[in-house]
Amino acid sequence: MPSQVELNSPLEYSIRVTNLTGAILSGVVVTEELPEDFE
């Protein structure tokens, strides 16, 4: 995540999901709850 961002300026961030096991993982679901004041 960025530490700070200016009002009405682009805000970009990334999410990395890593399989820690030696097997294939199926059915992984990622949910991101966005704040109200983020478009």
PDB file of all heavy atoms in Angstrom:
ATOM      1  N   MET A   1       0.831  -1.199   0.000  1.00  0.00           N
ATOM      2  CA  MET A   1       0.000   0.000   0.000  1.00  0.00           C
ATOM      3  C   MET A   1       0.871   1.256   0.000  1.00  0.00           C
ATOM      4  O   MET A   1       1.972   1.250   0.574  1.00  0.00           O
ATOM      5  CB  MET A   1      -0.889   0.031   1.250  1.00  0.00           C
ATOM      6  CG  MET A   1      -1.808  -1.156   1.416  1.00  0.00           C
ATOM      7  SD  MET A   1      -3.158  -1.181   0.201  1.00  0.00           S
ATOM      8  CE  MET A   1      -4.056   0.302   0.677  1.00  0.00           C
ATOM      9  N   PRO A   2       0.393   2.356  -0.599  1.00  0.00           N
ATOM     10  CA  PRO A   2       1.113   3.625  -0.454  1.00  0.00           C
ATOM     11  C   PRO A   2       0.915   4.162   0.957  1.00  0.00           C
ATOM     12  O   PRO A   2      -0.153   4.001   1.554  1.00  0.00           O
ATOM     13  CB  PRO A   2       0.455   4.525  -1.506  1.00  0.00           C
ATOM     14  CG  PRO A   2      -0.918   3.959  -1.675  1.00  0.00           C
ATOM     15  CD  PRO A   2      -0.796   2.487  -1.475  1.00  0.00           C
ATOM     16  N   SER A   3       1.940   4.796   1.495  1.00  0.00           N
ATOM     17  CA  SER A   3       1.812   5.377   2.828  1.00  0.00           C
ATOM     18  C   SER A   3       0.884   6.591   2.820  1.00  0.00           C
ATOM     19  O   SER A   3       0.109   6.800   3.751  1.00  0.00           O
ATOM     20  CB  SER A   3       3.190   5.806   3.352  1.00  0.00           C
ATOM     21  OG  SER A   3       4.052   4.692   3.431  1.00  0.00           O
ATOM     22  N   GLN A   4       0.944   7.380   1.768  1.00  0.00           N
ATOM     23  CA  GLN A   4       0.115   8.576   1.650  1.00  0.00           C
ATOM     24  C   GLN A   4      -0.263   8.788   0.194  1.00  0.00           C
ATOM     25  O   GLN A   4       0.423   8.321  -0.717  1.00  0.00           O
ATOM     26  CB  GLN A   4       0.869   9.817   2.159  1.00  0.00           C
ATOM     27  CG  GLN A   4       1.217   9.764   3.637  1.00  0.00           C
ATOM     28  CD  GLN A   4       1.960  11.017   4.067  1.00  0.00           C
ATOM     29  OE1 GLN A   4       2.624  11.663   3.252  1.00  0.00           O
ATOM     30  NE2 GLN A   4       1.842  11.371   5.328  1.00  0.00           N
ATOM     31  N   VAL A   5      -1.356   9.496  -0.009  1.00  0.00           N
ATOM     32  CA  VAL A   5      -1.766   9.846  -1.361  1.00  0.00           C
ATOM     33  C   VAL A   5      -2.509  11.175  -1.309  1.00  0.00           C
ATOM     34  O   VAL A   5      -3.193  11.481  -0.322  1.00  0.00           O
ATOM     35  CB  VAL A   5      -2.669   8.744  -1.962  1.00  0.00           C
ATOM     36  CG1 VAL A   5      -3.977   8.625  -1.224  1.00  0.00           C
ATOM     37  CG2 VAL A   5      -2.904   8.995  -3.449  1.00  0.00           C
ATOM     38  N   GLU A   6      -2.362  11.959  -2.337  1.00  0.00           N
ATOM     39  CA  GLU A   6      -3.047  13.241  -2.380  1.00  0.00           C
ATOM     40  C   GLU A   6      -4.526  13.063  -2.717  1.00  0.00           C
ATOM     41  O   GLU A   6      -4.912  12.129  -3.426  1.00  0.00           O
ATOM     42  CB  GLU A   6      -2.391  14.156  -3.425  1.00  0.00           C
ATOM     43  CG  GLU A   6      -0.988  14.605  -3.064  1.00  0.00           C
ATOM     44  CD  GLU A   6      -0.455  15.634  -4.037  1.00  0.00           C
ATOM     45  OE1 GLU A   6      -1.245  16.104  -4.895  1.00  0.00           O
ATOM     46  OE2 GLU A   6       0.731  15.978  -3.946  1.00  0.00           O
ATOM     47  N   LEU A   7      -5.320  13.965  -2.199  1.00  0.00           N
ATOM     48  CA  LEU A   7      -6.744  13.955  -2.470  1.00  0.00           C
ATOM     49  C   LEU A   7      -7.003  14.062  -3.970  1.00  0.00           C
ATOM     50  O   LEU A   7      -6.373  14.856  -4.670  1.00  0.00           O
ATOM     51  CB  LEU A   7      -7.408  15.138  -1.737  1.00  0.00           C
ATOM     52  CG  LEU A   7      -8.924  15.269  -1.878  1.00  0.00           C
ATOM     53  CD1 LEU A   7      -9.614  14.102  -1.195  1.00  0.00           C
ATOM     54  CD2 LEU A   7      -9.387  16.604  -1.294  1.00  0.00           C
ATOM     55  N   ASN A   8      -7.924  13.204  -4.462  1.00  0.00           N
ATOM     56  CA  ASN A   8      -8.326  13.179  -5.875  1.00  0.00           C
ATOM     57  C   ASN A   8      -7.193  12.805  -6.828  1.00  0.00           C
ATOM     58  O   ASN A   8      -7.270  13.092  -8.026  1.00  0.00           O
ATOM     59  CB  ASN A   8      -8.936  14.528  -6.300  1.00  0.00           C
ATOM     60  CG  ASN A   8     -10.233  14.824  -5.565  1.00  0.00           C
ATOM     61  OD1 ASN A   8     -11.034  13.924  -5.337  1.00  0.00           O
ATOM     62  ND2 ASN A   8     -10.416  16.080  -5.171  1.00  0.00           N
ATOM     63  N   SER A   9      -6.146  12.209  -6.297  1.00  0.00           N
ATOM     64  CA  SER A   9      -5.045  11.727  -7.133  1.00  0.00           C
ATOM     65  C   SER A   9      -5.126  10.201  -7.241  1.00  0.00           C
ATOM     66  O   SER A   9      -5.689   9.529  -6.367  1.00  0.00           O
ATOM     67  CB  SER A   9      -3.693  12.128  -6.528  1.00  0.00           C
ATOM     68  OG  SER A   9      -3.550  13.531  -6.559  1.00  0.00           O
ATOM     69  N   PRO A  10      -4.545   9.625  -8.279  1.00  0.00           N
ATOM     70  CA  PRO A  10      -4.595   8.166  -8.434  1.00  0.00           C
ATOM     71  C   PRO A  10      -3.976   7.444  -7.239  1.00  0.00           C
ATOM     72  O   PRO A  10      -2.915   7.827  -6.743  1.00  0.00           O
ATOM     73  CB  PRO A  10      -3.781   7.922  -9.709  1.00  0.00           C
ATOM     74  CG  PRO A  10      -3.880   9.196 -10.465  1.00  0.00           C
ATOM     75  CD  PRO A  10      -3.892  10.281  -9.440  1.00  0.00           C
ATOM     76  N   LEU A  11      -4.658   6.423  -6.786  1.00  0.00           N
ATOM     77  CA  LEU A  11      -4.192   5.583  -5.676  1.00  0.00           C
ATOM     78  C   LEU A  11      -4.134   4.155  -6.202  1.00  0.00           C
ATOM     79  O   LEU A  11      -5.145   3.603  -6.629  1.00  0.00           O
ATOM     80  CB  LEU A  11      -5.156   5.695  -4.494  1.00  0.00           C
ATOM     81  CG  LEU A  11      -4.748   5.062  -3.155  1.00  0.00           C
ATOM     82  CD1 LEU A  11      -5.610   5.635  -2.032  1.00  0.00           C
ATOM     83  CD2 LEU A  11      -4.868   3.547  -3.165  1.00  0.00           C
ATOM     84  N   GLU A  12      -2.955   3.590  -6.183  1.00  0.00           N
ATOM     85  CA  GLU A  12      -2.777   2.230  -6.683  1.00  0.00           C
ATOM     86  C   GLU A  12      -2.114   1.371  -5.616  1.00  0.00           C
ATOM     87  O   GLU A  12      -1.217   1.840  -4.907  1.00  0.00           O
ATOM     88  CB  GLU A  12      -1.925   2.228  -7.952  1.00  0.00           C
ATOM     89  CG  GLU A  12      -2.537   2.995  -9.113  1.00  0.00           C
ATOM     90  CD  GLU A  12      -1.647   2.985 -10.339  1.00  0.00           C
ATOM     91  OE1 GLU A  12      -0.494   2.505 -10.227  1.00  0.00           O
ATOM     92  OE2 GLU A  12      -2.095   3.436 -11.407  1.00  0.00           O
ATOM     93  N   TYR A  13      -2.579   0.130  -5.519  1.00  0.00           N
ATOM     94  CA  TYR A  13      -1.929  -0.815  -4.604  1.00  0.00           C
ATOM     95  C   TYR A  13      -2.065  -2.225  -5.172  1.00  0.00           C
ATOM     96  O   TYR A  13      -2.821  -2.456  -6.122  1.00  0.00           O
ATOM     97  CB  TYR A  13      -2.506  -0.722  -3.189  1.00  0.00           C
ATOM     98  CG  TYR A  13      -3.959  -1.106  -3.052  1.00  0.00           C
ATOM     99  CD1 TYR A  13      -4.341  -2.400  -2.719  1.00  0.00           C
ATOM    100  CD2 TYR A  13      -4.967  -0.157  -3.225  1.00  0.00           C
ATOM    101  CE1 TYR A  13      -5.667  -2.756  -2.561  1.00  0.00           C
ATOM    102  CE2 TYR A  13      -6.303  -0.500  -3.073  1.00  0.00           C
ATOM    103  CZ  TYR A  13      -6.649  -1.805  -2.738  1.00  0.00           C
ATOM    104  OH  TYR A  13      -7.969  -2.147  -2.589  1.00  0.00           O
ATOM    105  N   SER A  14      -1.300  -3.164  -4.590  1.00  0.00           N
ATOM    106  CA  SER A  14      -1.288  -4.534  -5.125  1.00  0.00           C
ATOM    107  C   SER A  14      -1.506  -5.548  -4.012  1.00  0.00           C
ATOM    108  O   SER A  14      -1.190  -5.304  -2.844  1.00  0.00           O
ATOM    109  CB  SER A  14       0.038  -4.825  -5.835  1.00  0.00           C
ATOM    110  OG  SER A  14       1.113  -4.798  -4.921  1.00  0.00           O
ATOM    111  N   ILE A  15      -2.051  -6.683  -4.412  1.00  0.00           N
ATOM    112  CA  ILE A  15      -2.288  -7.814  -3.511  1.00  0.00           C
ATOM    113  C   ILE A  15      -1.629  -9.031  -4.149  1.00  0.00           C
ATOM    114  O   ILE A  15      -1.897  -9.357  -5.310  1.00  0.00           O
ATOM    115  CB  ILE A  15      -3.791  -8.070  -3.315  1.00  0.00           C
ATOM    116  CG1 ILE A  15      -4.480  -6.841  -2.723  1.00  0.00           C
ATOM    117  CG2 ILE A  15      -4.030  -9.290  -2.434  1.00  0.00           C
ATOM    118  CD1 ILE A  15      -6.001  -6.932  -2.746  1.00  0.00           C
ATOM    119  N   ARG A  16      -0.779  -9.694  -3.378  1.00  0.00           N
ATOM    120  CA  ARG A  16      -0.112 -10.910  -3.874  1.00  0.00           C
ATOM    121  C   ARG A  16      -0.552 -12.084  -3.010  1.00  0.00           C
ATOM    122  O   ARG A  16      -0.441 -12.041  -1.784  1.00  0.00           O
ATOM    123  CB  ARG A  16       1.412 -10.751  -3.818  1.00  0.00           C
ATOM    124  CG  ARG A  16       2.193 -11.964  -4.329  1.00  0.00           C
ATOM    125  CD  ARG A  16       3.687 -11.711  -4.186  1.00  0.00           C
ATOM    126  NE  ARG A  16       4.484 -12.854  -4.585  1.00  0.00           N
ATOM    127  CZ  ARG A  16       4.922 -13.084  -5.815  1.00  0.00           C
ATOM    128  NH1 ARG A  16       4.633 -12.224  -6.773  1.00  0.00           N
ATOM    129  NH2 ARG A  16       5.647 -14.141  -6.096  1.00  0.00           N
ATOM    130  N   VAL A  17      -1.048 -13.137  -3.667  1.00  0.00           N
ATOM    131  CA  VAL A  17      -1.492 -14.339  -2.966  1.00  0.00           C
ATOM    132  C   VAL A  17      -0.571 -15.485  -3.367  1.00  0.00           C
ATOM    133  O   VAL A  17      -0.419 -15.777  -4.555  1.00  0.00           O
ATOM    134  CB  VAL A  17      -2.954 -14.683  -3.310  1.00  0.00           C
ATOM    135  CG1 VAL A  17      -3.398 -15.949  -2.580  1.00  0.00           C
ATOM    136  CG2 VAL A  17      -3.873 -13.519  -2.955  1.00  0.00           C
ATOM    137  N   THR A  18       0.049 -16.133  -2.365  1.00  0.00           N
ATOM    138  CA  THR A  18       1.046 -17.179  -2.619  1.00  0.00           C
ATOM    139  C   THR A  18       0.610 -18.493  -1.991  1.00  0.00           C
ATOM    140  O   THR A  18       0.212 -18.530  -0.821  1.00  0.00           O
ATOM    141  CB  THR A  18       2.418 -16.778  -2.049  1.00  0.00           C
ATOM    142  OG1 THR A  18       2.807 -15.516  -2.592  1.00  0.00           O
ATOM    143  CG2 THR A  18       3.475 -17.819  -2.396  1.00  0.00           C
ATOM    144  N   ASN A  19       0.677 -19.562  -2.757  1.00  0.00           N
ATOM    145  CA  ASN A  19       0.426 -20.914  -2.253  1.00  0.00           C
ATOM    146  C   ASN A  19       1.673 -21.383  -1.510  1.00  0.00           C
ATOM    147  O   ASN A  19       2.739 -21.542  -2.101  1.00  0.00           O
ATOM    148  CB  ASN A  19       0.104 -21.845  -3.424  1.00  0.00           C
ATOM    149  CG  ASN A  19      -0.156 -23.277  -2.986  1.00  0.00           C
ATOM    150  OD1 ASN A  19      -0.103 -23.596  -1.808  1.00  0.00           O
ATOM    151  ND2 ASN A  19      -0.433 -24.143  -3.950  1.00  0.00           N
ATOM    152  N   LEU A  20       1.550 -21.619  -0.218  1.00  0.00           N
ATOM    153  CA  LEU A  20       2.704 -22.020   0.599  1.00  0.00           C
ATOM    154  C   LEU A  20       2.915 -23.527   0.604  1.00  0.00           C
ATOM    155  O   LEU A  20       3.895 -24.000   1.182  1.00  0.00           O
ATOM    156  CB  LEU A  20       2.501 -21.545   2.041  1.00  0.00           C
ATOM    157  CG  LEU A  20       2.350 -20.035   2.249  1.00  0.00           C
ATOM    158  CD1 LEU A  20       2.092 -19.733   3.723  1.00  0.00           C
ATOM    159  CD2 LEU A  20       3.575 -19.283   1.757  1.00  0.00           C
ATOM    160  N   THR A  21       2.027 -24.270  -0.028  1.00  0.00           N
ATOM    161  CA  THR A  21       2.089 -25.723   0.058  1.00  0.00           C
ATOM    162  C   THR A  21       2.727 -26.332  -1.185  1.00  0.00           C
ATOM    163  O   THR A  21       2.973 -25.654  -2.173  1.00  0.00           O
ATOM    164  CB  THR A  21       0.677 -26.320   0.227  1.00  0.00           C
ATOM    165  OG1 THR A  21      -0.026 -26.261  -1.032  1.00  0.00           O
ATOM    166  CG2 THR A  21      -0.123 -25.559   1.271  1.00  0.00           C
ATOM    167  N   GLY A  22       2.959 -27.615  -1.119  1.00  0.00           N
ATOM    168  CA  GLY A  22       3.475 -28.355  -2.261  1.00  0.00           C
ATOM    169  C   GLY A  22       2.387 -28.997  -3.094  1.00  0.00           C
ATOM    170  O   GLY A  22       2.669 -29.833  -3.942  1.00  0.00           O
ATOM    171  N   ALA A  23       1.125 -28.601  -2.845  1.00  0.00           N
ATOM    172  CA  ALA A  23      -0.009 -29.163  -3.583  1.00  0.00           C
ATOM    173  C   ALA A  23      -0.729 -28.059  -4.343  1.00  0.00           C
ATOM    174  O   ALA A  23      -0.539 -26.871  -4.077  1.00  0.00           O
ATOM    175  CB  ALA A  23      -0.971 -29.862  -2.614  1.00  0.00           C
ATOM    176  N   ILE A  24      -1.572 -28.443  -5.281  1.00  0.00           N
ATOM    177  CA  ILE A  24      -2.397 -27.483  -6.012  1.00  0.00           C
ATOM    178  C   ILE A  24      -3.578 -27.083  -5.128  1.00  0.00           C
ATOM    179  O   ILE A  24      -4.260 -27.943  -4.561  1.00  0.00           O
ATOM    180  CB  ILE A  24      -2.898 -28.080  -7.334  1.00  0.00           C
ATOM    181  CG1 ILE A  24      -1.716 -28.398  -8.262  1.00  0.00           C
ATOM    182  CG2 ILE A  24      -3.875 -27.135  -8.029  1.00  0.00           C
ATOM    183  CD1 ILE A  24      -2.121 -29.107  -9.538  1.00  0.00           C
ATOM    184  N   LEU A  25      -3.813 -25.789  -4.999  1.00  0.00           N
ATOM    185  CA  LEU A  25      -4.929 -25.294  -4.199  1.00  0.00           C
ATOM    186  C   LEU A  25      -6.019 -24.771  -5.124  1.00  0.00           C
ATOM    187  O   LEU A  25      -5.779 -23.909  -5.966  1.00  0.00           O
ATOM    188  CB  LEU A  25      -4.473 -24.169  -3.262  1.00  0.00           C
ATOM    189  CG  LEU A  25      -3.634 -24.562  -2.047  1.00  0.00           C
ATOM    190  CD1 LEU A  25      -3.314 -23.335  -1.212  1.00  0.00           C
ATOM    191  CD2 LEU A  25      -4.362 -25.593  -1.196  1.00  0.00           C
ATOM    192  N   SER A  26      -7.222 -25.293  -4.967  1.00  0.00           N
ATOM    193  CA  SER A  26      -8.373 -24.833  -5.733  1.00  0.00           C
ATOM    194  C   SER A  26      -9.373 -24.176  -4.789  1.00  0.00           C
ATOM    195  O   SER A  26      -9.417 -24.483  -3.606  1.00  0.00           O
ATOM    196  CB  SER A  26      -9.037 -26.007  -6.469  1.00  0.00           C
ATOM    197  OG  SER A  26      -8.139 -26.611  -7.370  1.00  0.00           O
ATOM    198  N   GLY A  27     -10.180 -23.282  -5.332  1.00  0.00           N
ATOM    199  CA  GLY A  27     -11.233 -22.666  -4.530  1.00  0.00           C
ATOM    200  C   GLY A  27     -10.770 -21.526  -3.651  1.00  0.00           C
ATOM    201  O   GLY A  27     -11.438 -21.202  -2.666  1.00  0.00           O
ATOM    202  N   VAL A  28      -9.634 -20.897  -3.969  1.00  0.00           N
ATOM    203  CA  VAL A  28      -9.165 -19.747  -3.186  1.00  0.00           C
ATOM    204  C   VAL A  28      -9.949 -18.509  -3.614  1.00  0.00           C
ATOM    205  O   VAL A  28     -10.034 -18.195  -4.797  1.00  0.00           O
ATOM    206  CB  VAL A  28      -7.654 -19.512  -3.389  1.00  0.00           C
ATOM    207  CG1 VAL A  28      -7.189 -18.288  -2.602  1.00  0.00           C
ATOM    208  CG2 VAL A  28      -6.866 -20.756  -2.971  1.00  0.00           C
ATOM    209  N   VAL A  29     -10.536 -17.811  -2.641  1.00  0.00           N
ATOM    210  CA  VAL A  29     -11.349 -16.623  -2.908  1.00  0.00           C
ATOM    211  C   VAL A  29     -10.779 -15.449  -2.118  1.00  0.00           C
ATOM    212  O   VAL A  29     -10.553 -15.554  -0.912  1.00  0.00           O
ATOM    213  CB  VAL A  29     -12.822 -16.851  -2.517  1.00  0.00           C
ATOM    214  CG1 VAL A  29     -13.651 -15.585  -2.782  1.00  0.00           C
ATOM    215  CG2 VAL A  29     -13.404 -18.035  -3.282  1.00  0.00           C
ATOM    216  N   VAL A  30     -10.519 -14.348  -2.820  1.00  0.00           N
ATOM    217  CA  VAL A  30      -9.995 -13.130  -2.189  1.00  0.00           C
ATOM    218  C   VAL A  30     -11.099 -12.071  -2.217  1.00  0.00           C
ATOM    219  O   VAL A  30     -11.690 -11.812  -3.272  1.00  0.00           O
ATOM    220  CB  VAL A  30      -8.747 -12.607  -2.926  1.00  0.00           C
ATOM    221  CG1 VAL A  30      -8.238 -11.322  -2.273  1.00  0.00           C
ATOM    222  CG2 VAL A  30      -7.662 -13.668  -2.949  1.00  0.00           C
ATOM    223  N   THR A  31     -11.375 -11.470  -1.058  1.00  0.00           N
ATOM    224  CA  THR A  31     -12.388 -10.419  -0.949  1.00  0.00           C
ATOM    225  C   THR A  31     -11.739  -9.155  -0.412  1.00  0.00           C
ATOM    226  O   THR A  31     -11.040  -9.198   0.606  1.00  0.00           O
ATOM    227  CB  THR A  31     -13.533 -10.846  -0.019  1.00  0.00           C
ATOM    228  OG1 THR A  31     -14.105 -12.065  -0.496  1.00  0.00           O
ATOM    229  CG2 THR A  31     -14.624  -9.772   0.034  1.00  0.00           C
ATOM    230  N   GLU A  32     -11.960  -8.051  -1.102  1.00  0.00           N
ATOM    231  CA  GLU A  32     -11.409  -6.757  -0.705  1.00  0.00           C
ATOM    232  C   GLU A  32     -12.562  -5.805  -0.371  1.00  0.00           C
ATOM    233  O   GLU A  32     -13.418  -5.520  -1.219  1.00  0.00           O
ATOM    234  CB  GLU A  32     -10.550  -6.183  -1.836  1.00  0.00           C
ATOM    235  CG  GLU A  32      -9.963  -4.819  -1.558  1.00  0.00           C
ATOM    236  CD  GLU A  32      -8.753  -4.877  -0.627  1.00  0.00           C
ATOM    237  OE1 GLU A  32      -8.593  -5.903   0.080  1.00  0.00           O
ATOM    238  OE2 GLU A  32      -7.981  -3.923  -0.616  1.00  0.00           O
ATOM    239  N   GLU A  33     -12.598  -5.338   0.880  1.00  0.00           N
ATOM    240  CA  GLU A  33     -13.611  -4.380   1.318  1.00  0.00           C
ATOM    241  C   GLU A  33     -13.042  -2.970   1.131  1.00  0.00           C
ATOM    242  O   GLU A  33     -12.082  -2.575   1.803  1.00  0.00           O
ATOM    243  CB  GLU A  33     -13.973  -4.616   2.781  1.00  0.00           C
ATOM    244  CG  GLU A  33     -14.581  -5.977   3.070  1.00  0.00           C
ATOM    245  CD  GLU A  33     -15.970  -6.139   2.487  1.00  0.00           C
ATOM    246  OE1 GLU A  33     -16.613  -5.089   2.208  1.00  0.00           O
ATOM    247  OE2 GLU A  33     -16.401  -7.285   2.294  1.00  0.00           O
ATOM    248  N   LEU A  34     -13.634  -2.221   0.209  1.00  0.00           N
ATOM    249  CA  LEU A  34     -13.149  -0.873  -0.090  1.00  0.00           C
ATOM    250  C   LEU A  34     -13.809   0.153   0.840  1.00  0.00           C
ATOM    251  O   LEU A  34     -14.982   0.008   1.200  1.00  0.00           O
ATOM    252  CB  LEU A  34     -13.466  -0.510  -1.545  1.00  0.00           C
ATOM    253  CG  LEU A  34     -12.877  -1.438  -2.617  1.00  0.00           C
ATOM    254  CD1 LEU A  34     -13.397  -1.026  -3.988  1.00  0.00           C
ATOM    255  CD2 LEU A  34     -11.362  -1.418  -2.584  1.00  0.00           C
ATOM    256  N   PRO A  35     -13.071   1.197   1.205  1.00  0.00           N
ATOM    257  CA  PRO A  35     -13.681   2.263   2.014  1.00  0.00           C
ATOM    258  C   PRO A  35     -14.701   3.062   1.191  1.00  0.00           C
ATOM    259  O   PRO A  35     -14.637   3.095  -0.043  1.00  0.00           O
ATOM    260  CB  PRO A  35     -12.483   3.112   2.426  1.00  0.00           C
ATOM    261  CG  PRO A  35     -11.435   2.837   1.413  1.00  0.00           C
ATOM    262  CD  PRO A  35     -11.647   1.427   0.947  1.00  0.00           C
ATOM    263  N   GLU A  36     -15.620   3.718   1.880  1.00  0.00           N
ATOM    264  CA  GLU A  36     -16.679   4.467   1.205  1.00  0.00           C
ATOM    265  C   GLU A  36     -16.126   5.598   0.344  1.00  0.00           C
ATOM    266  O   GLU A  36     -16.679   5.916  -0.709  1.00  0.00           O
ATOM    267  CB  GLU A  36     -17.654   5.024   2.244  1.00  0.00           C
ATOM    268  CG  GLU A  36     -18.535   3.971   2.896  1.00  0.00           C
ATOM    269  CD  GLU A  36     -19.471   3.307   1.900  1.00  0.00           C
ATOM    270  OE1 GLU A  36     -19.899   3.983   0.941  1.00  0.00           O
ATOM    271  OE2 GLU A  36     -19.775   2.109   2.068  1.00  0.00           O
ATOM    272  N   ASP A  37     -15.056   6.234   0.796  1.00  0.00           N
ATOM    273  CA  ASP A  37     -14.542   7.416   0.098  1.00  0.00           C
ATOM    274  C   ASP A  37     -13.418   7.071  -0.875  1.00  0.00           C
ATOM    275  O   ASP A  37     -12.512   7.856  -1.112  1.00  0.00           O
ATOM    276  CB  ASP A  37     -14.061   8.453   1.126  1.00  0.00           C
ATOM    277  CG  ASP A  37     -15.215   8.938   1.987  1.00  0.00           C
ATOM    278  OD1 ASP A  37     -16.258   9.299   1.407  1.00  0.00           O
ATOM    279  OD2 ASP A  37     -15.086   8.929   3.219  1.00  0.00           O
ATOM    280  N   PHE A  38     -13.484   5.847  -1.418  1.00  0.00           N
ATOM    281  CA  PHE A  38     -12.543   5.429  -2.456  1.00  0.00           C
ATOM    282  C   PHE A  38     -13.350   5.035  -3.682  1.00  0.00           C
ATOM    283  O   PHE A  38     -14.231   4.171  -3.624  1.00  0.00           O
ATOM    284  CB  PHE A  38     -11.692   4.253  -1.980  1.00  0.00           C
ATOM    285  CG  PHE A  38     -10.784   3.680  -3.035  1.00  0.00           C
ATOM    286  CD1 PHE A  38      -9.600   4.318  -3.365  1.00  0.00           C
ATOM    287  CD2 PHE A  38     -11.109   2.504  -3.700  1.00  0.00           C
ATOM    288  CE1 PHE A  38      -8.762   3.791  -4.341  1.00  0.00           C
ATOM    289  CE2 PHE A  38     -10.279   1.966  -4.665  1.00  0.00           C
ATOM    290  CZ  PHE A  38      -9.103   2.617  -4.985  1.00  0.00           C
ATOM    291  N   GLU A  39     -13.062   5.670  -4.791  1.00  0.00           N
ATOM    292  CA  GLU A  39     -13.736   5.363  -6.045  1.00  0.00           C
ATOM    293  C   GLU A  39     -12.823   4.486  -6.894  1.00  0.00           C
ATOM    294  O   GLU A  39     -11.783   4.934  -7.367  1.00  0.00           O
ATOM    295  CB  GLU A  39     -14.074   6.653  -6.803  1.00  0.00           C
ATOM    296  CG  GLU A  39     -14.798   6.408  -8.113  1.00  0.00           C
ATOM    297  CD  GLU A  39     -15.015   7.687  -8.906  1.00  0.00           C
ATOM    298  OE1 GLU A  39     -14.729   8.788  -8.370  1.00  0.00           O
ATOM    299  OE2 GLU A  39     -15.453   7.583 -10.064  1.00  0.00           O
TER     300      GLU A  39
END
